[in-house]
Amino acid sequence: MVTKQPALLIFSAWLGIFAAFGFGFHLSYQVIVLHLEAILAIVGLAMLGLEAALLAAVGSLVARTALERLGLLLGCAATMAALAVVGFLHASLNVTAFPDQDLPTSMLA
């Protein structure tokens, strides 16, 4: 079943921004980030990037007017930019949001 309503595709493209920053928020505000969580976040970010690319391709075929295409492509580009910020420039994939906080001594033993 193919959607014939470009407005829903445009809305979905713009929602990708919040999903990308949700991954970054999740990783940056944890005290201890496990390697598995970082790997799962990278997989999620890759899936979100694939979704944005496919959404741009399919949405440009479904959109009827140039304004709809523009809104869709801008939403996908903004999602890709958010992915770049979270995936490549965000420091939460290497450190936590509280780098000066020491672990309790009971956890070190």
PDB file of N, CA and C in Angstrom:
ATOM      1  N   MET A   1       0.851  -1.179   0.000  1.00  0.00           N
ATOM      2  CA  MET A   1       0.000   0.000   0.000  1.00  0.00           C
ATOM      3  C   MET A   1       0.893   1.237   0.000  1.00  0.00           C
ATOM      4  N   VAL A   2       0.651   2.120  -0.929  1.00  0.00           N
ATOM      5  CA  VAL A   2       1.435   3.344  -1.062  1.00  0.00           C
ATOM      6  C   VAL A   2       0.604   4.515  -0.570  1.00  0.00           C
ATOM      7  N   THR A   3       1.226   5.350   0.245  1.00  0.00           N
ATOM      8  CA  THR A   3       0.494   6.523   0.725  1.00  0.00           C
ATOM      9  C   THR A   3       0.377   7.551  -0.385  1.00  0.00           C
ATOM     10  N   LYS A   4      -0.739   8.159  -0.494  1.00  0.00           N
ATOM     11  CA  LYS A   4      -0.975   9.179  -1.512  1.00  0.00           C
ATOM     12  C   LYS A   4      -1.100  10.567  -0.912  1.00  0.00           C
ATOM     13  N   GLN A   5      -0.735  10.705   0.359  1.00  0.00           N
ATOM     14  CA  GLN A   5      -0.848  11.994   1.028  1.00  0.00           C
ATOM     15  C   GLN A   5       0.547  12.523   1.345  1.00  0.00           C
ATOM     16  N   PRO A   6       1.046  13.453   0.545  1.00  0.00           N
ATOM     17  CA  PRO A   6       2.389  13.976   0.773  1.00  0.00           C
ATOM     18  C   PRO A   6       2.529  14.723   2.097  1.00  0.00           C
ATOM     19  N   ALA A   7       1.437  15.245   2.631  1.00  0.00           N
ATOM     20  CA  ALA A   7       1.526  15.973   3.899  1.00  0.00           C
ATOM     21  C   ALA A   7       2.003  15.064   5.030  1.00  0.00           C
ATOM     22  N   LEU A   8       1.561  13.805   5.029  1.00  0.00           N
ATOM     23  CA  LEU A   8       2.018  12.870   6.051  1.00  0.00           C
ATOM     24  C   LEU A   8       3.496  12.528   5.889  1.00  0.00           C
ATOM     25  N   LEU A   9       3.960  12.443   4.646  1.00  0.00           N
ATOM     26  CA  LEU A   9       5.378  12.188   4.413  1.00  0.00           C
ATOM     27  C   LEU A   9       6.234  13.370   4.862  1.00  0.00           C
ATOM     28  N   ILE A  10       5.743  14.569   4.600  1.00  0.00           N
ATOM     29  CA  ILE A  10       6.473  15.772   5.031  1.00  0.00           C
ATOM     30  C   ILE A  10       6.542  15.821   6.558  1.00  0.00           C
ATOM     31  N   PHE A  11       5.439  15.526   7.210  1.00  0.00           N
ATOM     32  CA  PHE A  11       5.403  15.507   8.668  1.00  0.00           C
ATOM     33  C   PHE A  11       6.376  14.463   9.216  1.00  0.00           C
ATOM     34  N   SER A  12       6.414  13.297   8.593  1.00  0.00           N
ATOM     35  CA  SER A  12       7.322  12.240   9.025  1.00  0.00           C
ATOM     36  C   SER A  12       8.780  12.638   8.816  1.00  0.00           C
ATOM     37  N   ALA A  13       9.074  13.354   7.742  1.00  0.00           N
ATOM     38  CA  ALA A  13      10.448  13.791   7.485  1.00  0.00           C
ATOM     39  C   ALA A  13      10.922  14.755   8.564  1.00  0.00           C
ATOM     40  N   TRP A  14      10.064  15.659   8.989  1.00  0.00           N
ATOM     41  CA  TRP A  14      10.450  16.620  10.019  1.00  0.00           C
ATOM     42  C   TRP A  14      10.521  15.977  11.402  1.00  0.00           C
ATOM     43  N   LEU A  15       9.797  14.888  11.637  1.00  0.00           N
ATOM     44  CA  LEU A  15       9.874  14.201  12.926  1.00  0.00           C
ATOM     45  C   LEU A  15      11.211  13.489  13.128  1.00  0.00           C
ATOM     46  N   GLY A  16      11.915  13.216  12.039  1.00  0.00           N
ATOM     47  CA  GLY A  16      13.210  12.560  12.146  1.00  0.00           C
ATOM     48  C   GLY A  16      14.228  13.381  12.919  1.00  0.00           C
ATOM     49  N   ILE A  17      14.079  14.698  12.914  1.00  0.00           N
ATOM     50  CA  ILE A  17      14.994  15.565  13.666  1.00  0.00           C
ATOM     51  C   ILE A  17      14.902  15.244  15.154  1.00  0.00           C
ATOM     52  N   PHE A  18      13.693  15.126  15.660  1.00  0.00           N
ATOM     53  CA  PHE A  18      13.499  14.853  17.078  1.00  0.00           C
ATOM     54  C   PHE A  18      13.983  13.453  17.436  1.00  0.00           C
ATOM     55  N   ALA A  19      13.829  12.515  16.534  1.00  0.00           N
ATOM     56  CA  ALA A  19      14.324  11.162  16.797  1.00  0.00           C
ATOM     57  C   ALA A  19      15.851  11.149  16.870  1.00  0.00           C
ATOM     58  N   ALA A  20      16.512  11.881  15.987  1.00  0.00           N
ATOM     59  CA  ALA A  20      17.977  11.927  16.004  1.00  0.00           C
ATOM     60  C   ALA A  20      18.493  12.561  17.292  1.00  0.00           C
ATOM     61  N   PHE A  21      17.904  13.673  17.690  1.00  0.00           N
ATOM     62  CA  PHE A  21      18.356  14.303  18.923  1.00  0.00           C
ATOM     63  C   PHE A  21      17.938  13.507  20.154  1.00  0.00           C
ATOM     64  N   GLY A  22      16.911  12.681  20.026  1.00  0.00           N
ATOM     65  CA  GLY A  22      16.551  11.779  21.116  1.00  0.00           C
ATOM     66  C   GLY A  22      17.649  10.761  21.386  1.00  0.00           C
ATOM     67  N   PHE A  23      18.268  10.240  20.326  1.00  0.00           N
ATOM     68  CA  PHE A  23      19.399   9.334  20.505  1.00  0.00           C
ATOM     69  C   PHE A  23      20.547  10.045  21.216  1.00  0.00           C
ATOM     70  N   GLY A  24      20.851  11.272  20.789  1.00  0.00           N
ATOM     71  CA  GLY A  24      21.932  12.020  21.422  1.00  0.00           C
ATOM     72  C   GLY A  24      21.648  12.345  22.878  1.00  0.00           C
ATOM     73  N   PHE A  25      20.411  12.706  23.173  1.00  0.00           N
ATOM     74  CA  PHE A  25      20.027  12.996  24.553  1.00  0.00           C
ATOM     75  C   PHE A  25      20.159  11.749  25.419  1.00  0.00           C
ATOM     76  N   HIS A  26      19.731  10.618  24.874  1.00  0.00           N
ATOM     77  CA  HIS A  26      19.800   9.362  25.627  1.00  0.00           C
ATOM     78  C   HIS A  26      21.241   9.011  25.982  1.00  0.00           C
ATOM     79  N   LEU A  27      22.154   9.214  25.054  1.00  0.00           N
ATOM     80  CA  LEU A  27      23.543   8.849  25.311  1.00  0.00           C
ATOM     81  C   LEU A  27      24.274   9.874  26.171  1.00  0.00           C
ATOM     82  N   SER A  28      23.924  11.141  26.037  1.00  0.00           N
ATOM     83  CA  SER A  28      24.717  12.149  26.737  1.00  0.00           C
ATOM     84  C   SER A  28      24.323  12.336  28.196  1.00  0.00           C
ATOM     85  N   TYR A  29      23.125  11.957  28.579  1.00  0.00           N
ATOM     86  CA  TYR A  29      22.713  12.172  29.961  1.00  0.00           C
ATOM     87  C   TYR A  29      22.641  10.886  30.764  1.00  0.00           C
ATOM     88  N   GLN A  30      23.513   9.957  30.455  1.00  0.00           N
ATOM     89  CA  GLN A  30      23.677   8.770  31.269  1.00  0.00           C
ATOM     90  C   GLN A  30      25.003   8.892  31.998  1.00  0.00           C
ATOM     91  N   VAL A  31      25.056   8.374  33.171  1.00  0.00           N
ATOM     92  CA  VAL A  31      26.297   8.435  33.932  1.00  0.00           C
ATOM     93  C   VAL A  31      27.297   7.434  33.372  1.00  0.00           C
ATOM     94  N   ILE A  32      26.845   6.223  33.071  1.00  0.00           N
ATOM     95  CA  ILE A  32      27.710   5.206  32.490  1.00  0.00           C
ATOM     96  C   ILE A  32      27.056   4.736  31.189  1.00  0.00           C
ATOM     97  N   VAL A  33      27.776   4.863  30.078  1.00  0.00           N
ATOM     98  CA  VAL A  33      27.265   4.428  28.789  1.00  0.00           C
ATOM     99  C   VAL A  33      27.942   3.107  28.438  1.00  0.00           C
ATOM    100  N   LEU A  34      27.157   2.077  28.279  1.00  0.00           N
ATOM    101  CA  LEU A  34      27.693   0.775  27.914  1.00  0.00           C
ATOM    102  C   LEU A  34      28.016   0.749  26.426  1.00  0.00           C
ATOM    103  N   HIS A  35      28.951  -0.121  26.045  1.00  0.00           N
ATOM    104  CA  HIS A  35      29.299  -0.234  24.634  1.00  0.00           C
ATOM    105  C   HIS A  35      28.112  -0.726  23.815  1.00  0.00           C
ATOM    106  N   LEU A  36      27.308  -1.596  24.397  1.00  0.00           N
ATOM    107  CA  LEU A  36      26.136  -2.102  23.691  1.00  0.00           C
ATOM    108  C   LEU A  36      25.151  -0.980  23.389  1.00  0.00           C
ATOM    109  N   GLU A  37      24.972  -0.053  24.336  1.00  0.00           N
ATOM    110  CA  GLU A  37      24.073   1.079  24.102  1.00  0.00           C
ATOM    111  C   GLU A  37      24.599   1.977  22.987  1.00  0.00           C
ATOM    112  N   ALA A  38      25.912   2.184  22.941  1.00  0.00           N
ATOM    113  CA  ALA A  38      26.490   2.996  21.876  1.00  0.00           C
ATOM    114  C   ALA A  38      26.311   2.309  20.524  1.00  0.00           C
ATOM    115  N   ILE A  39      26.496   0.988  20.482  1.00  0.00           N
ATOM    116  CA  ILE A  39      26.315   0.247  19.234  1.00  0.00           C
ATOM    117  C   ILE A  39      24.861   0.301  18.785  1.00  0.00           C
ATOM    118  N   LEU A  40      23.932   0.124  19.725  1.00  0.00           N
ATOM    119  CA  LEU A  40      22.513   0.198  19.367  1.00  0.00           C
ATOM    120  C   LEU A  40      22.119   1.593  18.897  1.00  0.00           C
ATOM    121  N   ALA A  41      22.712   2.627  19.489  1.00  0.00           N
ATOM    122  CA  ALA A  41      22.418   3.988  19.046  1.00  0.00           C
ATOM    123  C   ALA A  41      22.962   4.222  17.643  1.00  0.00           C
ATOM    124  N   ILE A  42      24.141   3.689  17.344  1.00  0.00           N
ATOM    125  CA  ILE A  42      24.703   3.838  16.002  1.00  0.00           C
ATOM    126  C   ILE A  42      23.824   3.123  14.980  1.00  0.00           C
ATOM    127  N   VAL A  43      23.345   1.931  15.325  1.00  0.00           N
ATOM    128  CA  VAL A  43      22.446   1.203  14.425  1.00  0.00           C
ATOM    129  C   VAL A  43      21.148   1.993  14.226  1.00  0.00           C
ATOM    130  N   GLY A  44      20.615   2.550  15.305  1.00  0.00           N
ATOM    131  CA  GLY A  44      19.393   3.358  15.203  1.00  0.00           C
ATOM    132  C   GLY A  44      19.593   4.601  14.352  1.00  0.00           C
ATOM    133  N   LEU A  45      20.741   5.250  14.503  1.00  0.00           N
ATOM    134  CA  LEU A  45      21.026   6.433  13.691  1.00  0.00           C
ATOM    135  C   LEU A  45      21.186   6.060  12.222  1.00  0.00           C
ATOM    136  N   ALA A  46      21.802   4.908  11.950  1.00  0.00           N
ATOM    137  CA  ALA A  46      21.937   4.455  10.563  1.00  0.00           C
ATOM    138  C   ALA A  46      20.576   4.145   9.953  1.00  0.00           C
ATOM    139  N   MET A  47      19.703   3.513  10.734  1.00  0.00           N
ATOM    140  CA  MET A  47      18.349   3.223  10.237  1.00  0.00           C
ATOM    141  C   MET A  47      17.565   4.510   9.986  1.00  0.00           C
ATOM    142  N   LEU A  48      17.756   5.495  10.846  1.00  0.00           N
ATOM    143  CA  LEU A  48      17.084   6.776  10.661  1.00  0.00           C
ATOM    144  C   LEU A  48      17.599   7.483   9.404  1.00  0.00           C
ATOM    145  N   GLY A  49      18.898   7.376   9.138  1.00  0.00           N
ATOM    146  CA  GLY A  49      19.449   7.940   7.909  1.00  0.00           C
ATOM    147  C   GLY A  49      18.916   7.250   6.663  1.00  0.00           C
ATOM    148  N   LEU A  50      18.798   5.925   6.726  1.00  0.00           N
ATOM    149  CA  LEU A  50      18.221   5.176   5.610  1.00  0.00           C
ATOM    150  C   LEU A  50      16.760   5.560   5.405  1.00  0.00           C
ATOM    151  N   GLU A  51      16.044   5.740   6.507  1.00  0.00           N
ATOM    152  CA  GLU A  51      14.640   6.165   6.418  1.00  0.00           C
ATOM    153  C   GLU A  51      14.526   7.531   5.745  1.00  0.00           C
ATOM    154  N   ALA A  52      15.397   8.465   6.124  1.00  0.00           N
ATOM    155  CA  ALA A  52      15.341   9.801   5.529  1.00  0.00           C
ATOM    156  C   ALA A  52      15.679   9.762   4.038  1.00  0.00           C
ATOM    157  N   ALA A  53      16.654   8.937   3.654  1.00  0.00           N
ATOM    158  CA  ALA A  53      17.017   8.833   2.234  1.00  0.00           C
ATOM    159  C   ALA A  53      15.886   8.215   1.421  1.00  0.00           C
ATOM    160  N   LEU A  54      15.289   7.144   1.942  1.00  0.00           N
ATOM    161  CA  LEU A  54      14.173   6.521   1.227  1.00  0.00           C
ATOM    162  C   LEU A  54      12.942   7.420   1.202  1.00  0.00           C
ATOM    163  N   LEU A  55      12.738   8.159   2.282  1.00  0.00           N
ATOM    164  CA  LEU A  55      11.609   9.081   2.339  1.00  0.00           C
ATOM    165  C   LEU A  55      11.765  10.197   1.302  1.00  0.00           C
ATOM    166  N   ALA A  56      12.987  10.670   1.111  1.00  0.00           N
ATOM    167  CA  ALA A  56      13.227  11.701   0.096  1.00  0.00           C
ATOM    168  C   ALA A  56      12.984  11.145  -1.301  1.00  0.00           C
ATOM    169  N   ALA A  57      13.422   9.901  -1.545  1.00  0.00           N
ATOM    170  CA  ALA A  57      13.249   9.304  -2.872  1.00  0.00           C
ATOM    171  C   ALA A  57      11.779   9.028  -3.183  1.00  0.00           C
ATOM    172  N   VAL A  58      11.092   8.379  -2.266  1.00  0.00           N
ATOM    173  CA  VAL A  58       9.686   8.031  -2.497  1.00  0.00           C
ATOM    174  C   VAL A  58       8.811   9.277  -2.444  1.00  0.00           C
ATOM    175  N   GLY A  59       9.104  10.160  -1.506  1.00  0.00           N
ATOM    176  CA  GLY A  59       8.285  11.363  -1.372  1.00  0.00           C
ATOM    177  C   GLY A  59       8.372  12.289  -2.555  1.00  0.00           C
ATOM    178  N   SER A  60       9.539  12.343  -3.213  1.00  0.00           N
ATOM    179  CA  SER A  60       9.643  13.202  -4.392  1.00  0.00           C
ATOM    180  C   SER A  60       8.808  12.665  -5.546  1.00  0.00           C
ATOM    181  N   LEU A  61       8.551  11.356  -5.544  1.00  0.00           N
ATOM    182  CA  LEU A  61       7.669  10.789  -6.568  1.00  0.00           C
ATOM    183  C   LEU A  61       6.194  11.007  -6.240  1.00  0.00           C
ATOM    184  N   VAL A  62       5.861  11.024  -4.966  1.00  0.00           N
ATOM    185  CA  VAL A  62       4.461  11.142  -4.540  1.00  0.00           C
ATOM    186  C   VAL A  62       4.013  12.603  -4.505  1.00  0.00           C
ATOM    187  N   ALA A  63       4.940  13.519  -4.229  1.00  0.00           N
ATOM    188  CA  ALA A  63       4.564  14.931  -4.084  1.00  0.00           C
ATOM    189  C   ALA A  63       4.007  15.464  -5.405  1.00  0.00           C
ATOM    190  N   ARG A  64       2.980  16.266  -5.294  1.00  0.00           N
ATOM    191  CA  ARG A  64       2.296  16.784  -6.482  1.00  0.00           C
ATOM    192  C   ARG A  64       2.810  18.156  -6.912  1.00  0.00           C
ATOM    193  N   THR A  65       3.197  18.969  -5.955  1.00  0.00           N
ATOM    194  CA  THR A  65       3.621  20.328  -6.276  1.00  0.00           C
ATOM    195  C   THR A  65       5.078  20.535  -5.872  1.00  0.00           C
ATOM    196  N   ALA A  66       5.640  21.612  -6.373  1.00  0.00           N
ATOM    197  CA  ALA A  66       7.028  21.933  -6.030  1.00  0.00           C
ATOM    198  C   ALA A  66       7.168  22.307  -4.560  1.00  0.00           C
ATOM    199  N   LEU A  67       6.130  22.916  -3.993  1.00  0.00           N
ATOM    200  CA  LEU A  67       6.173  23.285  -2.576  1.00  0.00           C
ATOM    201  C   LEU A  67       6.196  22.042  -1.683  1.00  0.00           C
ATOM    202  N   GLU A  68       5.448  21.017  -2.055  1.00  0.00           N
ATOM    203  CA  GLU A  68       5.470  19.768  -1.295  1.00  0.00           C
ATOM    204  C   GLU A  68       6.843  19.102  -1.393  1.00  0.00           C
ATOM    205  N   ARG A  69       7.429  19.095  -2.595  1.00  0.00           N
ATOM    206  CA  ARG A  69       8.775  18.532  -2.753  1.00  0.00           C
ATOM    207  C   ARG A  69       9.795  19.301  -1.928  1.00  0.00           C
ATOM    208  N   LEU A  70       9.666  20.620  -1.918  1.00  0.00           N
ATOM    209  CA  LEU A  70      10.594  21.454  -1.159  1.00  0.00           C
ATOM    210  C   LEU A  70      10.486  21.166   0.337  1.00  0.00           C
ATOM    211  N   GLY A  71       9.267  21.086   0.858  1.00  0.00           N
ATOM    212  CA  GLY A  71       9.075  20.785   2.275  1.00  0.00           C
ATOM    213  C   GLY A  71       9.615  19.420   2.643  1.00  0.00           C
ATOM    214  N   LEU A  72       9.415  18.455   1.764  1.00  0.00           N
ATOM    215  CA  LEU A  72       9.899  17.105   2.019  1.00  0.00           C
ATOM    216  C   LEU A  72      11.414  17.042   1.970  1.00  0.00           C
ATOM    217  N   LEU A  73      12.014  17.631   0.958  1.00  0.00           N
ATOM    218  CA  LEU A  73      13.471  17.582   0.843  1.00  0.00           C
ATOM    219  C   LEU A  73      14.153  18.393   1.936  1.00  0.00           C
ATOM    220  N   LEU A  74      13.546  19.505   2.342  1.00  0.00           N
ATOM    221  CA  LEU A  74      14.115  20.270   3.460  1.00  0.00           C
ATOM    222  C   LEU A  74      14.020  19.480   4.767  1.00  0.00           C
ATOM    223  N   GLY A  75      12.919  18.781   4.970  1.00  0.00           N
ATOM    224  CA  GLY A  75      12.780  17.949   6.168  1.00  0.00           C
ATOM    225  C   GLY A  75      13.799  16.819   6.191  1.00  0.00           C
ATOM    226  N   CYS A  76      14.004  16.177   5.048  1.00  0.00           N
ATOM    227  CA  CYS A  76      15.002  15.098   4.984  1.00  0.00           C
ATOM    228  C   CYS A  76      16.410  15.647   5.161  1.00  0.00           C
ATOM    229  N   ALA A  77      16.689  16.811   4.586  1.00  0.00           N
ATOM    230  CA  ALA A  77      18.013  17.424   4.755  1.00  0.00           C
ATOM    231  C   ALA A  77      18.242  17.833   6.209  1.00  0.00           C
ATOM    232  N   ALA A  78      17.215  18.346   6.863  1.00  0.00           N
ATOM    233  CA  ALA A  78      17.344  18.717   8.275  1.00  0.00           C
ATOM    234  C   ALA A  78      17.551  17.484   9.144  1.00  0.00           C
ATOM    235  N   THR A  79      16.885  16.385   8.802  1.00  0.00           N
ATOM    236  CA  THR A  79      17.100  15.135   9.538  1.00  0.00           C
ATOM    237  C   THR A  79      18.521  14.638   9.353  1.00  0.00           C
ATOM    238  N   MET A  80      19.037  14.705   8.128  1.00  0.00           N
ATOM    239  CA  MET A  80      20.425  14.290   7.874  1.00  0.00           C
ATOM    240  C   MET A  80      21.412  15.184   8.625  1.00  0.00           C
ATOM    241  N   ALA A  81      21.113  16.482   8.699  1.00  0.00           N
ATOM    242  CA  ALA A  81      21.981  17.394   9.450  1.00  0.00           C
ATOM    243  C   ALA A  81      21.958  17.061  10.941  1.00  0.00           C
ATOM    244  N   ALA A  82      20.785  16.729  11.450  1.00  0.00           N
ATOM    245  CA  ALA A  82      20.698  16.333  12.862  1.00  0.00           C
ATOM    246  C   ALA A  82      21.453  15.031  13.108  1.00  0.00           C
ATOM    247  N   LEU A  83      21.397  14.119  12.156  1.00  0.00           N
ATOM    248  CA  LEU A  83      22.168  12.884  12.275  1.00  0.00           C
ATOM    249  C   LEU A  83      23.663  13.162  12.288  1.00  0.00           C
ATOM    250  N   ALA A  84      24.098  14.108  11.471  1.00  0.00           N
ATOM    251  CA  ALA A  84      25.520  14.455  11.438  1.00  0.00           C
ATOM    252  C   ALA A  84      25.955  15.068  12.760  1.00  0.00           C
ATOM    253  N   VAL A  85      25.119  15.924  13.324  1.00  0.00           N
ATOM    254  CA  VAL A  85      25.455  16.544  14.609  1.00  0.00           C
ATOM    255  C   VAL A  85      25.554  15.487  15.698  1.00  0.00           C
ATOM    256  N   VAL A  86      24.571  14.609  15.761  1.00  0.00           N
ATOM    257  CA  VAL A  86      24.551  13.597  16.819  1.00  0.00           C
ATOM    258  C   VAL A  86      25.620  12.534  16.580  1.00  0.00           C
ATOM    259  N   GLY A  87      25.770  12.089  15.352  1.00  0.00           N
ATOM    260  CA  GLY A  87      26.668  10.974  15.074  1.00  0.00           C
ATOM    261  C   GLY A  87      28.138  11.319  15.021  1.00  0.00           C
ATOM    262  N   PHE A  88      28.474  12.494  14.486  1.00  0.00           N
ATOM    263  CA  PHE A  88      29.872  12.805  14.257  1.00  0.00           C
ATOM    264  C   PHE A  88      30.418  13.904  15.156  1.00  0.00           C
ATOM    265  N   LEU A  89      29.598  14.852  15.528  1.00  0.00           N
ATOM    266  CA  LEU A  89      30.093  15.984  16.287  1.00  0.00           C
ATOM    267  C   LEU A  89      29.757  15.921  17.768  1.00  0.00           C
ATOM    268  N   HIS A  90      28.826  15.066  18.142  1.00  0.00           N
ATOM    269  CA  HIS A  90      28.365  15.013  19.520  1.00  0.00           C
ATOM    270  C   HIS A  90      29.358  14.243  20.370  1.00  0.00           C
ATOM    271  N   ALA A  91      29.755  14.782  21.470  1.00  0.00           N
ATOM    272  CA  ALA A  91      30.772  14.157  22.316  1.00  0.00           C
ATOM    273  C   ALA A  91      30.218  13.032  23.173  1.00  0.00           C
ATOM    274  N   SER A  92      28.909  12.792  23.151  1.00  0.00           N
ATOM    275  CA  SER A  92      28.337  11.785  24.041  1.00  0.00           C
ATOM    276  C   SER A  92      28.678  10.365  23.619  1.00  0.00           C
ATOM    277  N   LEU A  93      29.160  10.155  22.405  1.00  0.00           N
ATOM    278  CA  LEU A  93      29.535   8.803  22.023  1.00  0.00           C
ATOM    279  C   LEU A  93      30.868   8.395  22.638  1.00  0.00           C
ATOM    280  N   ASN A  94      31.628   9.355  23.176  1.00  0.00           N
ATOM    281  CA  ASN A  94      32.912   9.045  23.794  1.00  0.00           C
ATOM    282  C   ASN A  94      32.917   9.265  25.300  1.00  0.00           C
ATOM    283  N   VAL A  95      32.199  10.266  25.793  1.00  0.00           N
ATOM    284  CA  VAL A  95      32.172  10.568  27.220  1.00  0.00           C
ATOM    285  C   VAL A  95      30.737  10.799  27.644  1.00  0.00           C
ATOM    286  N   THR A  96      30.528  10.865  28.945  1.00  0.00           N
ATOM    287  CA  THR A  96      29.196  11.162  29.450  1.00  0.00           C
ATOM    288  C   THR A  96      29.018  12.671  29.576  1.00  0.00           C
ATOM    289  N   ALA A  97      27.833  13.082  29.957  1.00  0.00           N
ATOM    290  CA  ALA A  97      27.563  14.507  30.114  1.00  0.00           C
ATOM    291  C   ALA A  97      28.207  15.069  31.375  1.00  0.00           C
ATOM    292  N   PHE A  98      28.647  14.203  32.268  1.00  0.00           N
ATOM    293  CA  PHE A  98      29.246  14.628  33.525  1.00  0.00           C
ATOM    294  C   PHE A  98      30.671  14.078  33.613  1.00  0.00           C
ATOM    295  N   PRO A  99      31.615  14.589  32.813  1.00  0.00           N
ATOM    296  CA  PRO A  99      32.951  13.990  32.764  1.00  0.00           C
ATOM    297  C   PRO A  99      33.755  14.167  34.042  1.00  0.00           C
ATOM    298  N   ASP A 100      33.466  15.173  34.848  1.00  0.00           N
ATOM    299  CA  ASP A 100      34.237  15.403  36.067  1.00  0.00           C
ATOM    300  C   ASP A 100      33.719  14.608  37.256  1.00  0.00           C
ATOM    301  N   GLN A 101      32.634  13.908  37.076  1.00  0.00           N
ATOM    302  CA  GLN A 101      32.044  13.158  38.173  1.00  0.00           C
ATOM    303  C   GLN A 101      32.791  11.835  38.339  1.00  0.00           C
ATOM    304  N   ASP A 102      33.270  11.577  39.548  1.00  0.00           N
ATOM    305  CA  ASP A 102      33.989  10.342  39.832  1.00  0.00           C
ATOM    306  C   ASP A 102      33.001   9.247  40.184  1.00  0.00           C
ATOM    307  N   LEU A 103      33.419   8.016  39.917  1.00  0.00           N
ATOM    308  CA  LEU A 103      32.591   6.879  40.309  1.00  0.00           C
ATOM    309  C   LEU A 103      32.681   6.680  41.816  1.00  0.00           C
ATOM    310  N   PRO A 104      31.633   6.199  42.445  1.00  0.00           N
ATOM    311  CA  PRO A 104      31.711   5.882  43.874  1.00  0.00           C
ATOM    312  C   PRO A 104      32.767   4.809  44.120  1.00  0.00           C
ATOM    313  N   THR A 105      33.364   4.840  45.282  1.00  0.00           N
ATOM    314  CA  THR A 105      34.436   3.889  45.575  1.00  0.00           C
ATOM    315  C   THR A 105      33.919   2.455  45.641  1.00  0.00           C
ATOM    316  N   SER A 106      32.646   2.254  45.943  1.00  0.00           N
ATOM    317  CA  SER A 106      32.112   0.905  46.014  1.00  0.00           C
ATOM    318  C   SER A 106      32.018   0.253  44.631  1.00  0.00           C
ATOM    319  N   MET A 107      31.952   1.059  43.581  1.00  0.00           N
ATOM    320  CA  MET A 107      31.873   0.523  42.231  1.00  0.00           C
ATOM    321  C   MET A 107      33.241   0.175  41.669  1.00  0.00           C
ATOM    322  N   LEU A 108      34.297   0.717  42.255  1.00  0.00           N
ATOM    323  CA  LEU A 108      35.636   0.470  41.752  1.00  0.00           C
ATOM    324  C   LEU A 108      36.197  -0.871  42.216  1.00  0.00           C
ATOM    325  N   ALA A 109      35.642  -1.434  43.261  1.00  0.00           N
ATOM    326  CA  ALA A 109      36.195  -2.673  43.817  1.00  0.00           C
ATOM    327  C   ALA A 109      35.755  -3.883  43.025  1.00  0.00           C
TER     328      ALA A 109
END
